[in-house]
Amino acid sequence: MKIKDRVLIVEDESHISSFISTILTANDYDTMTARTGSEAITTITSHCPDVILLDLGLPDMDGLGILKFVREWSTCPIIVVSARNHERDKVEALDAGADDYIVKPFGTSELLARIRTAIRHTRTHLPNGDIAQSGQFHAKGLTIDYDKHQVLVDGENAHLTQNEYKLVSLLGKYAGRVLTYDFIIRQLWGPKAKNDNQILRVNMANIRRKIEKNPAQPEYIFTEIGVGYRMVDPE
């Protein structure tokens, strides 16, 4: 099963939300929707979407509040989709951390292009320049394909689950660096996730069975006891 990018649509007008969801689903994205700011915050912290499409005019709060909240702990791409077309609104949203700003009404091709660009830009500021350029991480026989959402070992698909892929892809982005358990949990499951390392250990045990020749003596992902995990340096 292909792992798809998950897009959260934060929009209080149901016909617009449904329209966007239909477009994205037809283009191979997973979609979630939220009609209020509080519902959006709950969804973001519990599901950690790959992209957020954010309307500013929500019934219970201004979308800028959500934008600022997310930017306190996450670099998830946020594209503002709003009827507000004044320059000051765009500047305020971009200064608050939005990655892009689209004015309603918008074309479907433009929306899809902006989403693709936002996802691609999540790789451009990483220590590993090869990921930014090629969309792939390579180390020995391991390949992480960020465009296809696959992990390959000696050219064969390792068939990771969505959570397993997210964990490996996160480690690949910071290859050579130790990522603490708390950092990984926050990035994968949000700021309100319990700091329970057991879920990481279970996922890592499953990952190692799929990608390591000898899980007891890993070649790719190393445990820094009491601290976190580290991906082997890229080639």
Protein backbone atom coordinates (compact mmCIF):
# COMPACT_ATOMS: atom_id res chain seq x y z
CA MET A 1 0.00 0.00 0.00
CA LYS A 2 1.37 3.39 -0.99
CA ILE A 3 1.91 5.88 1.81
CA LYS A 4 0.25 9.15 0.87
CA ASP A 5 0.85 12.72 2.01
CA ARG A 6 -1.84 13.73 4.49
CA VAL A 7 -3.43 17.16 4.01
CA LEU A 8 -5.57 18.86 6.65
CA ILE A 9 -8.18 21.25 5.21
CA VAL A 10 -9.16 23.88 7.77
CA GLU A 11 -12.24 25.51 6.27
CA ASP A 12 -15.63 26.36 7.80
CA GLU A 13 -17.56 26.45 4.52
CA SER A 14 -18.52 22.86 3.82
CA HIS A 15 -18.88 23.21 0.04
CA ILE A 16 -15.34 24.63 -0.27
CA SER A 17 -13.93 21.98 2.06
CA SER A 18 -15.67 19.23 0.11
CA PHE A 19 -14.46 20.65 -3.21
CA ILE A 20 -10.83 20.78 -2.07
CA SER A 21 -11.04 17.32 -0.53
CA THR A 22 -12.38 15.85 -3.78
CA ILE A 23 -9.55 17.43 -5.78
CA LEU A 24 -6.86 16.20 -3.41
CA THR A 25 -8.28 12.69 -3.10
CA ALA A 26 -8.35 12.40 -6.90
CA ASN A 27 -4.67 13.40 -6.92
CA ASP A 28 -3.58 10.73 -4.45
CA TYR A 29 -3.58 12.68 -1.17
CA ASP A 30 -5.14 11.62 2.11
CA THR A 31 -7.39 14.37 3.43
CA MET A 32 -8.76 15.41 6.80
CA THR A 33 -11.07 18.34 7.49
CA ALA A 34 -11.71 20.74 10.35
CA ARG A 35 -14.41 23.43 10.43
CA THR A 36 -13.32 25.33 13.55
CA GLY A 37 -10.05 26.46 15.03
CA SER A 38 -10.36 24.25 18.09
CA GLU A 39 -11.11 21.22 15.91
CA ALA A 40 -8.09 22.08 13.76
CA ILE A 41 -5.74 22.27 16.75
CA THR A 42 -6.99 18.91 18.05
CA THR A 43 -6.52 17.31 14.64
CA ILE A 44 -3.07 18.82 14.09
CA THR A 45 -1.73 17.71 17.47
CA SER A 46 -3.18 14.22 17.21
CA HIS A 47 -2.49 13.43 13.53
CA CYS A 48 0.48 15.64 12.54
CA PRO A 49 -0.54 16.22 8.87
CA ASP A 50 2.07 16.64 6.15
CA VAL A 51 0.46 19.86 4.86
CA ILE A 52 -2.13 22.25 6.30
CA LEU A 53 -4.48 24.32 4.11
CA LEU A 54 -5.65 27.08 6.45
CA ASP A 55 -8.56 29.48 6.08
CA LEU A 56 -8.17 32.57 8.27
CA GLY A 57 -11.84 33.38 8.83
CA LEU A 58 -12.91 30.62 11.20
CA PRO A 59 -16.02 30.89 13.42
CA ASP A 60 -14.25 30.53 16.78
CA MET A 61 -10.82 32.09 16.20
CA ASP A 62 -8.63 33.78 13.64
CA GLY A 63 -6.55 31.37 11.61
CA LEU A 64 -3.42 33.31 12.53
CA GLY A 65 -3.76 31.91 16.04
CA ILE A 66 -3.52 28.37 14.65
CA LEU A 67 -0.58 29.36 12.49
CA LYS A 68 1.34 30.78 15.46
CA PHE A 69 0.48 27.75 17.61
CA VAL A 70 1.81 25.28 15.05
CA ARG A 71 4.99 27.28 14.48
CA GLU A 72 5.88 26.96 18.16
CA TRP A 73 6.73 23.28 17.64
CA SER A 74 6.45 22.23 14.00
CA THR A 75 7.78 23.12 10.54
CA CYS A 76 4.81 21.46 8.82
CA PRO A 77 4.03 23.35 5.57
CA ILE A 78 1.07 25.71 6.02
CA ILE A 79 -0.65 27.23 3.01
CA VAL A 80 -3.16 29.97 3.81
CA VAL A 81 -6.23 29.77 1.57
CA SER A 82 -8.27 32.90 2.24
CA ALA A 83 -10.67 35.41 0.74
CA ARG A 84 -8.62 38.18 2.37
CA ASN A 85 -6.69 39.77 -0.48
CA HIS A 86 -5.13 42.83 1.13
CA GLU A 87 -1.37 42.98 1.09
CA ARG A 88 -1.21 43.48 4.86
CA ASP A 89 -3.11 40.20 5.42
CA LYS A 90 -0.64 38.30 3.25
CA VAL A 91 2.36 39.91 4.92
CA GLU A 92 1.00 39.20 8.41
CA ALA A 93 0.37 35.53 7.58
CA LEU A 94 3.77 35.05 5.95
CA ASP A 95 5.53 36.80 8.84
CA ALA A 96 3.69 34.49 11.26
CA GLY A 97 5.18 31.47 9.50
CA ALA A 98 2.91 30.60 6.57
CA ASP A 99 4.75 28.97 3.68
CA ASP A 100 2.38 30.30 1.03
CA TYR A 101 -0.80 32.33 0.55
CA ILE A 102 -3.55 31.65 -1.98
CA VAL A 103 -6.48 34.03 -2.50
CA LYS A 104 -9.95 32.61 -3.13
CA PRO A 105 -11.16 31.84 -5.71
CA PHE A 106 -8.25 29.75 -6.95
CA GLY A 107 -7.52 27.31 -9.76
CA THR A 108 -7.14 23.62 -8.99
CA SER A 109 -3.86 23.37 -10.90
CA GLU A 110 -2.45 26.26 -8.91
CA LEU A 111 -3.50 24.71 -5.60
CA LEU A 112 -1.92 21.35 -6.47
CA ALA A 113 1.28 23.06 -7.63
CA ARG A 114 1.52 25.07 -4.40
CA ILE A 115 1.07 21.89 -2.33
CA ARG A 116 3.78 20.05 -4.29
CA THR A 117 6.13 23.00 -3.84
CA ALA A 118 5.44 23.24 -0.11
CA ILE A 119 6.20 19.54 0.38
CA ARG A 120 9.36 19.83 -1.71
CA HIS A 121 10.54 22.83 0.32
CA THR A 122 10.48 20.78 3.53
CA ARG A 123 13.66 19.16 2.21
CA THR A 124 15.57 22.24 1.12
CA HIS A 125 16.89 23.34 4.51
CA LEU A 126 18.15 19.96 5.66
CA PRO A 127 21.79 19.13 6.42
CA ASN A 128 21.81 16.52 3.64
CA GLY A 129 21.81 18.46 0.37
CA ASP A 130 21.33 15.29 -1.68
CA ILE A 131 17.82 14.84 -0.25
CA ALA A 132 16.91 18.38 -1.28
CA GLN A 133 18.19 17.84 -4.83
CA SER A 134 17.26 14.24 -5.59
CA GLY A 135 14.50 13.47 -3.10
CA GLN A 136 16.45 10.41 -1.95
CA PHE A 137 18.71 9.35 0.90
CA HIS A 138 21.34 6.67 0.28
CA ALA A 139 23.48 4.77 2.77
CA LYS A 140 25.04 1.42 1.85
CA GLY A 141 22.10 -0.66 0.57
CA LEU A 142 19.43 1.57 2.11
CA THR A 143 17.44 4.10 0.07
CA ILE A 144 14.74 6.42 1.39
CA ASP A 145 12.66 7.75 -1.52
CA TYR A 146 10.91 10.86 -0.20
CA ASP A 147 8.85 11.38 -3.34
CA LYS A 148 7.48 7.83 -3.49
CA HIS A 149 7.30 7.42 0.31
CA GLN A 150 9.24 4.18 0.18
CA VAL A 151 12.21 2.63 1.92
CA LEU A 152 14.25 0.23 -0.20
CA VAL A 153 16.88 -2.26 0.87
CA ASP A 154 19.13 -3.43 -1.96
CA GLY A 155 16.48 -2.16 -4.37
CA GLU A 156 13.59 -4.04 -2.75
CA ASN A 157 10.65 -2.31 -1.06
CA ALA A 158 10.83 -2.87 2.71
CA HIS A 159 7.03 -2.46 2.98
CA LEU A 160 7.07 -0.20 6.02
CA THR A 161 3.85 0.97 7.64
CA GLN A 162 3.04 4.67 7.64
CA ASN A 163 4.43 5.22 11.16
CA GLU A 164 7.52 3.15 10.39
CA TYR A 165 8.16 5.14 7.22
CA LYS A 166 7.75 8.46 9.03
CA LEU A 167 10.25 7.40 11.67
CA VAL A 168 12.85 6.24 9.14
CA SER A 169 12.34 9.28 6.90
CA LEU A 170 12.75 11.64 9.86
CA LEU A 171 16.01 9.96 10.89
CA GLY A 172 17.20 10.11 7.28
CA LYS A 173 16.63 13.86 7.12
CA TYR A 174 18.96 14.31 10.10
CA ALA A 175 21.37 11.48 9.26
CA GLY A 176 24.45 11.43 11.43
CA ARG A 177 22.72 13.34 14.22
CA VAL A 178 21.23 11.86 17.38
CA LEU A 179 17.51 12.61 17.61
CA THR A 180 16.16 12.40 21.14
CA TYR A 181 13.13 10.29 21.97
CA ASP A 182 11.16 13.43 22.89
CA PHE A 183 12.00 15.17 19.61
CA ILE A 184 10.94 12.15 17.56
CA ILE A 185 7.67 11.72 19.46
CA ARG A 186 6.86 15.43 19.07
CA GLN A 187 7.58 15.40 15.32
CA LEU A 188 5.61 12.22 14.64
CA TRP A 189 2.69 12.51 17.04
CA GLY A 190 2.49 16.15 18.09
CA PRO A 191 3.24 18.22 21.20
CA LYS A 192 0.54 16.58 23.33
CA ALA A 193 1.77 13.03 22.75
CA LYS A 194 2.87 11.17 25.85
CA ASN A 195 6.62 10.89 26.24
CA ASP A 196 6.36 7.11 26.15
CA ASN A 197 9.41 5.56 24.54
CA GLN A 198 7.72 2.17 24.33
CA ILE A 199 5.88 3.06 21.13
CA LEU A 200 9.20 4.06 19.56
CA ARG A 201 10.88 0.85 20.66
CA VAL A 202 8.07 -1.25 19.17
CA ASN A 203 8.22 0.62 15.86
CA MET A 204 12.02 0.43 15.78
CA ALA A 205 12.01 -3.32 16.46
CA ASN A 206 9.63 -3.81 13.51
CA ILE A 207 11.71 -1.52 11.30
CA ARG A 208 14.93 -3.37 12.06
CA ARG A 209 13.34 -6.70 11.23
CA LYS A 210 12.48 -5.27 7.81
CA ILE A 211 15.65 -3.36 6.90
CA GLU A 212 18.56 -4.85 8.86
CA LYS A 213 20.33 -8.09 7.93
CA ASN A 214 20.94 -8.68 11.65
CA PRO A 215 18.58 -6.59 13.84
CA ALA A 216 20.83 -7.23 16.87
CA GLN A 217 23.73 -5.58 15.04
CA PRO A 218 22.17 -2.79 12.98
CA GLU A 219 23.96 -1.21 10.04
CA TYR A 220 21.58 1.69 9.43
CA ILE A 221 19.84 2.93 12.59
CA PHE A 222 21.71 2.99 15.88
CA THR A 223 20.38 3.33 19.42
CA GLU A 224 22.01 5.92 21.64
CA ILE A 225 21.02 4.35 24.95
CA GLY A 226 18.93 6.63 27.11
CA VAL A 227 18.95 9.39 24.49
CA GLY A 228 17.46 8.43 21.13
CA TYR A 229 18.31 7.12 17.65
CA ARG A 230 20.78 8.00 14.92
CA MET A 231 20.75 7.19 11.21
CA VAL A 232 24.04 6.16 9.64
CA ASP A 233 25.82 8.91 7.70
CA PRO A 234 24.82 9.11 4.02
CA GLU A 235 27.19 7.98 1.31
